[in-house]
Amino acid sequence: METLLRIAVQKSGRLSEDSLKLFKECGIKFINSTKKLKSASHNFPVEFLFLRDDDIPGYVEDGVADLGIVGENVSAEKQKEVDLIKKLGFSKCRLSLAIPREVEYSGVTFFEGKSIATSYPVILGEYLAKQGVTCDIQEISGSVEIAPGIGLADGICDIVSSGSTLIGNGLKEVEKIYKSEAVLIGNKNLSAEKKEILDKLTFRIDAVLSGKSNKYVLLNAPNDAIDRIVSLLPGMRSPTIVPLATEGWSSIHSVINEDEFWDKIEELRAAGAEGVLIVPIEKMIS
């Protein structure tokens, strides 16, 4: 019987969509249907289990699933014995404290002796302990934002992405206490066969994530500016330089982190770079 790596994925929502997109970009083919609880790939030895995100860390710890993709905040809150295999760079958000917009805020000691409503009592409790603040943590699930308005709590601690939900409920963000993104977690007792499949999977994931964070850069430059431009555009080893039909000019090709490129563009132009093209990279293997 073929060994399969069972991967738990949130059954619906943005995290689910981004997770399945990642696997498809890794060349893993499977049928995705909201009516199915599991789906096996027909070209890679994995089987996907579609579960509630809050349940995934527990299923991975128990071995029902070998791997799982969850928000880092969920993994930290559930405190299950699992391995953090890789941060995936998507579904980024933060866990923040918020209070009614009209209330004056004087710092985290504002919450001393008050009450905070949250779905993340573990993370919040650890943060407050580090800050030396004692307050009443009211654990609730769903619609945390309404707690101050109905008199349940003085403030809330909840996931924030854009902040629009807070504004819509008359709240303001006052402290960012935890940064989160999607993470790949794993069972601590994988067999040798499953670890081998995991290595192949993470190799593909690394190639996809590396491609997303880097760009292929092409530019033209006079030959007397090449040394200066090369010093600004290091490639994976060194830039590729190709002579152009126009005498005295060359085309320079390189790979660079997108954030670094925007920091260097003015220097490149000042050094003589022209006709700069930025091309997406589907996958990049080091």
Protein backbone atom coordinates (compact mmCIF):
# COMPACT_ATOMS: atom_id res chain seq x y z
CA MET A 1 0.00 0.00 0.00
CA GLU A 2 1.37 3.41 -1.00
CA THR A 3 2.45 5.67 1.86
CA LEU A 4 0.50 8.94 1.83
CA LEU A 5 1.21 12.14 3.69
CA ARG A 6 -2.06 13.40 5.17
CA ILE A 7 -2.33 17.20 5.19
CA ALA A 8 -5.06 19.01 7.13
CA VAL A 9 -6.31 22.22 5.53
CA GLN A 10 -9.02 24.63 6.66
CA LYS A 11 -12.21 23.54 4.89
CA SER A 12 -13.26 27.04 3.81
CA GLY A 13 -12.16 30.66 3.89
CA ARG A 14 -9.20 32.67 2.66
CA LEU A 15 -6.61 30.53 4.44
CA SER A 16 -8.01 27.45 2.71
CA GLU A 17 -7.93 29.14 -0.70
CA ASP A 18 -4.33 30.32 -0.26
CA SER A 19 -3.19 26.93 1.05
CA LEU A 20 -4.69 24.99 -1.85
CA LYS A 21 -3.30 27.54 -4.31
CA LEU A 22 0.18 26.92 -2.88
CA PHE A 23 -0.12 23.16 -3.38
CA LYS A 24 -1.31 23.63 -6.94
CA GLU A 25 1.65 25.94 -7.61
CA CYS A 26 3.81 23.08 -6.32
CA GLY A 27 2.47 20.96 -9.17
CA ILE A 28 0.26 18.81 -6.94
CA LYS A 29 -2.99 17.90 -8.67
CA PHE A 30 -6.17 17.05 -6.79
CA ILE A 31 -9.92 17.57 -6.92
CA ASN A 32 -11.11 20.31 -4.59
CA SER A 33 -14.79 20.24 -3.67
CA THR A 34 -16.55 21.92 -0.75
CA LYS A 35 -18.69 18.77 -0.44
CA LYS A 36 -15.74 16.46 0.17
CA LEU A 37 -13.94 15.99 3.50
CA LYS A 38 -10.81 14.60 1.87
CA SER A 39 -9.11 14.48 -1.50
CA ALA A 40 -6.09 12.48 -2.67
CA SER A 41 -3.61 13.75 -5.23
CA HIS A 42 -3.15 11.59 -8.30
CA ASN A 43 0.42 12.76 -9.03
CA PHE A 44 2.00 13.17 -5.57
CA PRO A 45 1.66 10.94 -2.45
CA VAL A 46 -0.50 13.27 -0.33
CA GLU A 47 -4.09 13.27 0.84
CA PHE A 48 -5.84 16.45 1.95
CA LEU A 49 -8.24 16.52 4.91
CA PHE A 50 -10.61 19.50 5.06
CA LEU A 51 -11.20 20.43 8.71
CA ARG A 52 -12.04 23.31 11.04
CA ASP A 53 -8.91 25.39 11.59
CA ASP A 54 -9.21 25.24 15.40
CA ASP A 55 -9.16 21.43 15.24
CA ILE A 56 -6.10 21.09 13.00
CA PRO A 57 -3.33 21.39 15.66
CA GLY A 58 -5.00 18.67 17.75
CA TYR A 59 -5.42 16.32 14.80
CA VAL A 60 -1.75 16.81 13.85
CA GLU A 61 -0.61 16.15 17.42
CA ASP A 62 -2.71 12.96 17.57
CA GLY A 63 -1.48 11.74 14.17
CA VAL A 64 -4.86 11.84 12.46
CA ALA A 65 -3.11 14.24 10.07
CA ASP A 66 0.63 14.25 9.45
CA LEU A 67 0.79 17.94 8.53
CA GLY A 68 -1.48 20.94 8.79
CA ILE A 69 -1.66 24.52 7.61
CA VAL A 70 -3.03 26.95 10.21
CA GLY A 71 -2.58 30.51 11.33
CA GLU A 72 0.45 30.84 13.60
CA ASN A 73 -1.90 32.38 16.18
CA VAL A 74 -4.09 29.25 16.20
CA SER A 75 -1.08 26.98 16.66
CA ALA A 76 0.23 29.12 19.53
CA GLU A 77 -3.18 29.33 21.20
CA LYS A 78 -3.88 25.58 21.10
CA GLN A 79 -0.46 24.72 22.60
CA LYS A 80 -0.31 21.29 21.00
CA GLU A 81 2.90 19.25 20.75
CA VAL A 82 3.63 19.74 17.04
CA ASP A 83 6.65 20.79 14.98
CA LEU A 84 6.69 24.17 13.28
CA ILE A 85 8.04 23.17 9.87
CA LYS A 86 7.78 26.36 7.86
CA LYS A 87 6.31 29.85 7.80
CA LEU A 88 4.46 30.29 4.52
CA GLY A 89 4.29 34.06 4.08
CA PHE A 90 0.56 34.44 3.41
CA SER A 91 -2.57 35.12 5.49
CA LYS A 92 -0.63 37.67 7.53
CA CYS A 93 -2.46 39.42 10.34
CA ARG A 94 -1.90 40.53 13.90
CA LEU A 95 -3.53 40.02 17.28
CA SER A 96 -4.28 43.39 18.83
CA LEU A 97 -5.90 45.05 21.82
CA ALA A 98 -8.67 47.52 21.05
CA ILE A 99 -10.92 49.81 23.08
CA PRO A 100 -13.89 52.11 22.32
CA ARG A 101 -12.82 54.97 20.05
CA GLU A 102 -13.90 57.69 22.47
CA VAL A 103 -11.93 56.30 25.44
CA GLU A 104 -8.54 57.87 26.17
CA TYR A 105 -5.67 55.37 26.15
CA SER A 106 -2.59 55.83 28.33
CA GLY A 107 -0.64 52.64 27.67
CA VAL A 108 -1.02 48.95 28.43
CA THR A 109 -1.49 49.71 32.15
CA PHE A 110 -4.89 51.07 31.07
CA PHE A 111 -6.12 47.47 31.29
CA GLU A 112 -5.03 46.95 34.92
CA GLY A 113 -8.10 45.74 36.84
CA LYS A 114 -10.31 45.91 33.74
CA SER A 115 -11.77 43.16 31.55
CA ILE A 116 -10.84 42.06 28.01
CA ALA A 117 -12.94 39.85 25.75
CA THR A 118 -11.04 37.50 23.45
CA SER A 119 -10.96 34.17 21.65
CA TYR A 120 -7.23 33.93 22.42
CA PRO A 121 -6.91 33.76 26.22
CA VAL A 122 -3.57 31.91 26.17
CA ILE A 123 -1.72 34.39 23.94
CA LEU A 124 -3.34 37.34 25.71
CA GLY A 125 -2.57 35.94 29.16
CA GLU A 126 1.11 35.44 28.29
CA TYR A 127 1.36 38.98 26.91
CA LEU A 128 -0.27 40.59 29.96
CA ALA A 129 1.94 38.58 32.32
CA LYS A 130 5.05 39.90 30.55
CA GLN A 131 3.67 43.43 30.86
CA GLY A 132 2.88 42.95 34.56
CA VAL A 133 -0.79 43.73 34.02
CA THR A 134 -3.57 41.89 35.84
CA CYS A 135 -7.06 41.94 34.37
CA ASP A 136 -10.12 39.76 33.84
CA ILE A 137 -9.97 37.80 30.57
CA GLN A 138 -13.41 36.99 29.21
CA GLU A 139 -13.13 34.08 26.77
CA ILE A 140 -15.78 34.23 24.05
CA SER A 141 -16.00 32.90 20.51
CA GLY A 142 -17.17 34.93 17.53
CA SER A 143 -18.29 38.56 17.38
CA VAL A 144 -15.69 39.68 19.93
CA GLU A 145 -16.02 43.26 18.67
CA ILE A 146 -19.45 43.77 20.21
CA ALA A 147 -18.28 43.00 23.77
CA PRO A 148 -17.52 46.62 24.82
CA GLY A 149 -20.77 47.87 23.31
CA ILE A 150 -22.91 45.48 25.35
CA GLY A 151 -20.96 46.04 28.57
CA LEU A 152 -19.26 42.65 28.63
CA ALA A 153 -15.72 44.03 28.63
CA ASP A 154 -13.68 47.24 28.63
CA GLY A 155 -11.72 46.17 25.57
CA ILE A 156 -11.06 43.29 23.22
CA CYS A 157 -8.13 41.26 21.92
CA ASP A 158 -8.76 39.97 18.43
CA ILE A 159 -7.28 39.30 14.98
CA VAL A 160 -6.82 42.43 12.87
CA SER A 161 -6.04 42.57 9.15
CA SER A 162 -7.16 45.91 7.72
CA GLY A 163 -8.79 47.29 10.88
CA SER A 164 -12.09 48.01 9.10
CA THR A 165 -14.05 45.69 11.41
CA LEU A 166 -12.81 47.59 14.46
CA ILE A 167 -13.74 50.94 12.92
CA GLY A 168 -17.17 49.61 12.00
CA ASN A 169 -17.77 48.69 15.63
CA GLY A 170 -16.56 51.98 17.11
CA LEU A 171 -13.21 50.61 18.30
CA LYS A 172 -9.59 51.66 17.91
CA GLU A 173 -6.47 49.50 17.91
CA VAL A 174 -4.14 50.41 20.79
CA GLU A 175 -1.59 47.57 21.11
CA LYS A 176 -0.25 44.99 18.64
CA ILE A 177 0.62 41.95 20.73
CA TYR A 178 1.24 39.11 18.26
CA LYS A 179 2.11 38.83 14.55
CA SER A 180 0.76 35.85 12.66
CA GLU A 181 0.92 34.20 9.25
CA ALA A 182 0.11 30.80 7.81
CA VAL A 183 2.44 28.04 9.02
CA LEU A 184 3.01 24.42 8.12
CA ILE A 185 2.98 22.24 11.24
CA GLY A 186 3.80 18.56 11.53
CA ASN A 187 3.40 15.54 13.76
CA LYS A 188 6.50 14.91 15.87
CA ASN A 189 6.62 11.17 15.10
CA LEU A 190 6.55 10.90 11.32
CA SER A 191 7.84 7.66 9.86
CA ALA A 192 10.98 7.64 7.71
CA GLU A 193 8.83 7.16 4.60
CA LYS A 194 6.66 10.17 5.44
CA LYS A 195 9.68 12.32 6.27
CA GLU A 196 11.03 11.53 2.80
CA ILE A 197 7.76 12.72 1.22
CA LEU A 198 7.82 15.81 3.46
CA ASP A 199 11.33 16.66 2.23
CA LYS A 200 10.12 16.50 -1.37
CA LEU A 201 7.11 18.65 -0.50
CA THR A 202 9.12 21.35 1.31
CA PHE A 203 11.57 21.42 -1.60
CA ARG A 204 8.66 22.35 -3.89
CA ILE A 205 7.24 24.86 -1.40
CA ASP A 206 10.64 26.55 -1.04
CA ALA A 207 10.92 26.88 -4.81
CA VAL A 208 7.48 28.50 -5.05
CA LEU A 209 7.97 30.86 -2.09
CA SER A 210 11.44 31.87 -3.29
CA GLY A 211 10.00 32.69 -6.70
CA LYS A 212 7.31 34.88 -5.16
CA SER A 213 9.77 36.96 -3.15
CA ASN A 214 12.23 37.48 -6.01
CA LYS A 215 12.00 39.04 -9.45
CA TYR A 216 13.95 38.57 -12.66
CA VAL A 217 15.43 41.92 -13.69
CA LEU A 218 16.55 42.85 -17.21
CA LEU A 219 18.09 46.20 -18.08
CA ASN A 220 20.24 47.83 -20.72
CA ALA A 221 23.37 49.82 -19.90
CA PRO A 222 26.44 51.31 -21.57
CA ASN A 223 29.48 49.06 -21.18
CA ASP A 224 31.37 51.63 -19.13
CA ALA A 225 28.59 51.47 -16.49
CA ILE A 226 28.51 47.68 -16.18
CA ASP A 227 30.85 47.41 -13.16
CA ARG A 228 28.86 49.95 -11.19
CA ILE A 229 25.51 48.34 -12.05
CA VAL A 230 26.78 44.83 -11.30
CA SER A 231 27.79 46.01 -7.82
CA LEU A 232 24.17 47.12 -7.28
CA LEU A 233 22.53 44.01 -8.79
CA PRO A 234 24.05 40.82 -7.42
CA GLY A 235 22.41 37.72 -8.86
CA MET A 236 22.24 34.20 -7.43
CA ARG A 237 25.96 34.03 -8.31
CA SER A 238 26.55 37.00 -10.60
CA PRO A 239 24.47 38.84 -13.20
CA THR A 240 24.36 37.63 -16.81
CA ILE A 241 25.76 40.15 -19.31
CA VAL A 242 24.77 39.89 -22.99
CA PRO A 243 26.12 42.25 -25.70
CA LEU A 244 23.45 44.22 -27.59
CA ALA A 245 23.37 44.89 -31.34
CA THR A 246 24.13 48.52 -30.54
CA GLU A 247 27.88 48.78 -30.09
CA GLY A 248 29.02 49.76 -26.60
CA TRP A 249 25.83 48.53 -24.91
CA SER A 250 24.90 45.36 -23.04
CA SER A 251 21.83 43.76 -21.49
CA ILE A 252 22.23 42.80 -17.82
CA HIS A 253 20.05 40.04 -16.32
CA SER A 254 19.80 39.32 -12.60
CA VAL A 255 17.56 38.01 -9.82
CA ILE A 256 16.89 40.24 -6.86
CA ASN A 257 14.52 40.44 -3.94
CA GLU A 258 11.67 42.75 -4.90
CA ASP A 259 12.00 44.89 -1.79
CA GLU A 260 15.71 45.36 -2.40
CA PHE A 261 15.08 46.32 -6.02
CA TRP A 262 12.81 49.23 -5.11
CA ASP A 263 15.48 50.46 -2.70
CA LYS A 264 18.09 50.40 -5.49
CA ILE A 265 16.15 51.58 -8.55
CA GLU A 266 17.24 55.21 -8.29
CA GLU A 267 20.88 54.15 -7.91
CA LEU A 268 20.56 51.93 -10.97
CA ARG A 269 19.11 54.73 -13.04
CA ALA A 270 21.78 57.13 -11.86
CA ALA A 271 24.43 54.56 -12.84
CA GLY A 272 23.08 54.48 -16.40
CA ALA A 273 20.49 51.69 -16.44
CA GLU A 274 17.78 52.02 -19.09
CA GLY A 275 14.82 49.94 -20.29
CA VAL A 276 14.42 48.16 -16.96
CA LEU A 277 12.04 45.18 -17.05
CA ILE A 278 10.76 43.31 -13.98
CA VAL A 279 9.57 39.75 -14.69
CA PRO A 280 7.76 37.47 -12.18
CA ILE A 281 9.43 34.16 -11.30
CA GLU A 282 7.14 31.15 -11.06
CA LYS A 283 9.62 28.97 -9.15
CA MET A 284 13.23 29.43 -8.09
CA ILE A 285 15.52 26.56 -7.07
CA SER A 286 18.75 27.47 -5.33
